[in-house]
Amino acid sequence: MDRHAAWFKERQEAKDELRAQVWLRADVSRRLRAIAARAGLSAEQVLAQLAHHAQMHNDGTVAVEPFTPSRGEDKDR
């Protein structure tokens, strides 16, 4: 792939990415950091995996099935 095509592909993929700054209550933040530490991940990686697993139902509710945060899931994020 030539440089221009590679640059264009990167720009297209970047349009679908999201960077967010999140402010959490202290108790939620501590819980998130504890989960991340136990999994050997950063809090940001755990949040990304939560978002990846989240599903929206027809009634508008959002649910996340239980999962184990892992390093392998985050390698392409």
N, C-alpha and C. Protein backbone atom coordinates (compact mmCIF):
# COMPACT_ATOMS: atom_id res chain seq x y z
N MET A 1 0.85 -1.17 0.00
CA MET A 1 0.00 0.00 0.00
C MET A 1 0.90 1.24 0.00
N ASP A 2 0.62 2.17 -0.89
CA ASP A 2 1.46 3.36 -0.93
C ASP A 2 1.13 4.30 0.23
N ARG A 3 1.97 5.30 0.42
CA ARG A 3 1.83 6.21 1.56
C ARG A 3 0.47 6.91 1.60
N HIS A 4 0.02 7.40 0.45
CA HIS A 4 -1.24 8.13 0.41
C HIS A 4 -2.39 7.20 0.78
N ALA A 5 -2.40 6.02 0.24
CA ALA A 5 -3.47 5.06 0.54
C ALA A 5 -3.45 4.69 2.02
N ALA A 6 -2.28 4.50 2.59
CA ALA A 6 -2.16 4.17 4.01
C ALA A 6 -2.66 5.33 4.86
N TRP A 7 -2.28 6.55 4.49
CA TRP A 7 -2.74 7.73 5.22
C TRP A 7 -4.26 7.85 5.14
N PHE A 8 -4.82 7.65 3.95
CA PHE A 8 -6.26 7.76 3.76
C PHE A 8 -6.99 6.71 4.59
N LYS A 9 -6.49 5.48 4.60
CA LYS A 9 -7.11 4.41 5.39
C LYS A 9 -7.08 4.76 6.87
N GLU A 10 -5.95 5.29 7.34
CA GLU A 10 -5.82 5.69 8.74
C GLU A 10 -6.81 6.78 9.09
N ARG A 11 -6.99 7.75 8.21
CA ARG A 11 -7.94 8.85 8.44
C ARG A 11 -9.37 8.32 8.49
N GLN A 12 -9.72 7.39 7.62
CA GLN A 12 -11.06 6.81 7.62
C GLN A 12 -11.33 6.09 8.94
N GLU A 13 -10.36 5.31 9.40
CA GLU A 13 -10.52 4.59 10.66
C GLU A 13 -10.62 5.55 11.83
N ALA A 14 -9.88 6.64 11.79
CA ALA A 14 -9.88 7.62 12.88
C ALA A 14 -11.26 8.26 13.04
N LYS A 15 -12.02 8.39 11.97
CA LYS A 15 -13.35 8.98 12.05
C LYS A 15 -14.28 8.16 12.93
N ASP A 16 -14.03 6.86 13.02
CA ASP A 16 -14.89 5.98 13.80
C ASP A 16 -14.44 5.85 15.25
N GLU A 17 -13.29 6.41 15.59
CA GLU A 17 -12.79 6.31 16.95
C GLU A 17 -13.38 7.41 17.83
N LEU A 18 -13.35 7.16 19.12
CA LEU A 18 -13.86 8.13 20.08
C LEU A 18 -12.87 8.29 21.21
N ARG A 19 -12.54 9.51 21.52
CA ARG A 19 -11.71 9.81 22.68
C ARG A 19 -12.60 10.59 23.63
N ALA A 20 -12.66 10.13 24.88
CA ALA A 20 -13.56 10.77 25.84
C ALA A 20 -12.84 11.01 27.16
N GLN A 21 -13.23 12.07 27.81
CA GLN A 21 -12.74 12.35 29.15
C GLN A 21 -13.94 12.14 30.06
N VAL A 22 -13.79 11.27 31.04
CA VAL A 22 -14.91 10.88 31.89
C VAL A 22 -14.60 11.24 33.34
N TRP A 23 -15.56 11.87 34.00
CA TRP A 23 -15.43 12.19 35.42
C TRP A 23 -16.35 11.24 36.17
N LEU A 24 -15.77 10.45 37.07
CA LEU A 24 -16.54 9.47 37.84
C LEU A 24 -16.51 9.85 39.31
N ARG A 25 -17.57 9.46 40.03
CA ARG A 25 -17.58 9.65 41.48
C ARG A 25 -16.40 8.88 42.07
N ALA A 26 -15.96 9.30 43.23
CA ALA A 26 -14.79 8.69 43.86
C ALA A 26 -14.97 7.20 44.08
N ASP A 27 -16.14 6.76 44.56
CA ASP A 27 -16.33 5.34 44.83
C ASP A 27 -16.31 4.51 43.55
N VAL A 28 -16.89 5.05 42.49
CA VAL A 28 -16.89 4.36 41.20
C VAL A 28 -15.48 4.32 40.62
N SER A 29 -14.76 5.42 40.76
CA SER A 29 -13.39 5.49 40.28
C SER A 29 -12.49 4.48 41.00
N ARG A 30 -12.65 4.39 42.32
CA ARG A 30 -11.85 3.42 43.08
C ARG A 30 -12.16 1.99 42.64
N ARG A 31 -13.45 1.70 42.44
CA ARG A 31 -13.85 0.36 42.00
C ARG A 31 -13.27 0.04 40.63
N LEU A 32 -13.33 1.00 39.71
CA LEU A 32 -12.79 0.80 38.38
C LEU A 32 -11.28 0.56 38.42
N ARG A 33 -10.57 1.37 39.21
CA ARG A 33 -9.13 1.19 39.33
C ARG A 33 -8.77 -0.16 39.95
N ALA A 34 -9.57 -0.61 40.91
CA ALA A 34 -9.33 -1.91 41.54
C ALA A 34 -9.54 -3.05 40.54
N ILE A 35 -10.59 -2.95 39.75
CA ILE A 35 -10.85 -3.96 38.71
C ILE A 35 -9.69 -3.98 37.71
N ALA A 36 -9.28 -2.80 37.29
CA ALA A 36 -8.19 -2.70 36.31
C ALA A 36 -6.90 -3.29 36.88
N ALA A 37 -6.60 -2.97 38.13
CA ALA A 37 -5.37 -3.47 38.74
C ALA A 37 -5.39 -4.99 38.82
N ARG A 38 -6.52 -5.56 39.20
CA ARG A 38 -6.62 -7.02 39.30
C ARG A 38 -6.44 -7.69 37.95
N ALA A 39 -6.87 -7.00 36.88
CA ALA A 39 -6.76 -7.55 35.53
C ALA A 39 -5.42 -7.21 34.88
N GLY A 40 -4.62 -6.37 35.54
CA GLY A 40 -3.35 -5.95 34.96
C GLY A 40 -3.53 -4.98 33.81
N LEU A 41 -4.60 -4.19 33.86
CA LEU A 41 -4.93 -3.24 32.80
C LEU A 41 -5.02 -1.83 33.36
N SER A 42 -5.12 -0.87 32.48
CA SER A 42 -5.41 0.50 32.91
C SER A 42 -6.93 0.65 33.02
N ALA A 43 -7.36 1.66 33.75
CA ALA A 43 -8.79 1.93 33.86
C ALA A 43 -9.39 2.21 32.48
N GLU A 44 -8.64 2.89 31.62
CA GLU A 44 -9.11 3.20 30.27
C GLU A 44 -9.34 1.93 29.46
N GLN A 45 -8.46 0.95 29.63
CA GLN A 45 -8.62 -0.31 28.91
C GLN A 45 -9.87 -1.06 29.37
N VAL A 46 -10.14 -1.03 30.68
CA VAL A 46 -11.34 -1.68 31.20
C VAL A 46 -12.59 -0.98 30.66
N LEU A 47 -12.59 0.35 30.66
CA LEU A 47 -13.73 1.09 30.11
C LEU A 47 -13.96 0.76 28.63
N ALA A 48 -12.87 0.66 27.88
CA ALA A 48 -12.99 0.32 26.46
C ALA A 48 -13.61 -1.07 26.29
N GLN A 49 -13.21 -2.01 27.14
CA GLN A 49 -13.77 -3.36 27.04
C GLN A 49 -15.23 -3.38 27.49
N LEU A 50 -15.58 -2.59 28.50
CA LEU A 50 -16.98 -2.49 28.89
C LEU A 50 -17.82 -1.97 27.73
N ALA A 51 -17.33 -0.93 27.07
CA ALA A 51 -18.06 -0.37 25.92
C ALA A 51 -18.17 -1.40 24.80
N HIS A 52 -17.12 -2.16 24.59
CA HIS A 52 -17.12 -3.19 23.55
C HIS A 52 -18.20 -4.24 23.82
N HIS A 53 -18.40 -4.59 25.07
CA HIS A 53 -19.36 -5.63 25.44
C HIS A 53 -20.78 -5.11 25.64
N ALA A 54 -20.96 -3.81 25.71
CA ALA A 54 -22.29 -3.24 25.96
C ALA A 54 -23.23 -3.49 24.79
N GLN A 55 -24.47 -3.78 25.13
CA GLN A 55 -25.51 -4.01 24.12
C GLN A 55 -26.73 -3.16 24.47
N MET A 56 -27.35 -2.59 23.46
CA MET A 56 -28.58 -1.83 23.69
C MET A 56 -29.76 -2.69 23.25
N HIS A 57 -30.73 -2.80 24.13
CA HIS A 57 -31.93 -3.58 23.83
C HIS A 57 -32.98 -2.68 23.17
N ASN A 58 -34.00 -3.30 22.59
CA ASN A 58 -35.05 -2.56 21.89
C ASN A 58 -35.75 -1.54 22.78
N ASP A 59 -35.83 -1.82 24.08
CA ASP A 59 -36.50 -0.90 24.99
C ASP A 59 -35.60 0.25 25.45
N GLY A 60 -34.37 0.29 24.94
CA GLY A 60 -33.45 1.37 25.26
C GLY A 60 -32.53 1.09 26.43
N THR A 61 -32.73 -0.05 27.10
CA THR A 61 -31.83 -0.37 28.20
C THR A 61 -30.48 -0.83 27.66
N VAL A 62 -29.45 -0.56 28.42
CA VAL A 62 -28.10 -0.98 28.06
C VAL A 62 -27.66 -2.03 29.07
N ALA A 63 -27.07 -3.11 28.56
CA ALA A 63 -26.63 -4.20 29.44
C ALA A 63 -25.24 -4.66 29.02
N VAL A 64 -24.50 -5.16 30.00
CA VAL A 64 -23.20 -5.76 29.73
C VAL A 64 -23.22 -7.13 30.40
N GLU A 65 -23.08 -8.16 29.59
CA GLU A 65 -23.00 -9.51 30.15
C GLU A 65 -21.69 -9.63 30.92
N PRO A 66 -21.66 -10.48 31.94
CA PRO A 66 -20.40 -10.66 32.68
C PRO A 66 -19.27 -11.11 31.74
N PHE A 67 -18.09 -10.55 31.95
CA PHE A 67 -16.92 -10.92 31.17
C PHE A 67 -15.68 -10.69 32.03
N THR A 68 -14.60 -11.29 31.63
CA THR A 68 -13.33 -11.11 32.33
C THR A 68 -12.46 -10.17 31.50
N PRO A 69 -12.14 -8.98 32.04
CA PRO A 69 -11.26 -8.08 31.30
C PRO A 69 -9.92 -8.78 31.01
N SER A 70 -9.44 -8.58 29.80
CA SER A 70 -8.18 -9.24 29.44
C SER A 70 -7.32 -8.35 28.58
N ARG A 71 -6.04 -8.61 28.61
CA ARG A 71 -5.09 -7.84 27.79
C ARG A 71 -5.27 -8.14 26.32
N GLY A 72 -5.61 -9.36 25.98
CA GLY A 72 -5.75 -9.77 24.59
C GLY A 72 -6.83 -9.02 23.84
N GLU A 73 -7.90 -8.65 24.52
CA GLU A 73 -9.00 -7.94 23.87
C GLU A 73 -8.64 -6.54 23.46
N ASP A 74 -7.69 -5.95 24.16
CA ASP A 74 -7.41 -4.53 23.97
C ASP A 74 -6.28 -4.25 22.99
N LYS A 75 -5.69 -5.28 22.40
CA LYS A 75 -4.50 -5.05 21.58
C LYS A 75 -4.76 -4.24 20.32
N ASP A 76 -6.00 -4.22 19.80
CA ASP A 76 -6.23 -3.43 18.59
C ASP A 76 -6.95 -2.13 18.90
N ARG A 77 -7.02 -1.71 20.15
CA ARG A 77 -7.65 -0.45 20.50
C ARG A 77 -6.61 0.58 20.80
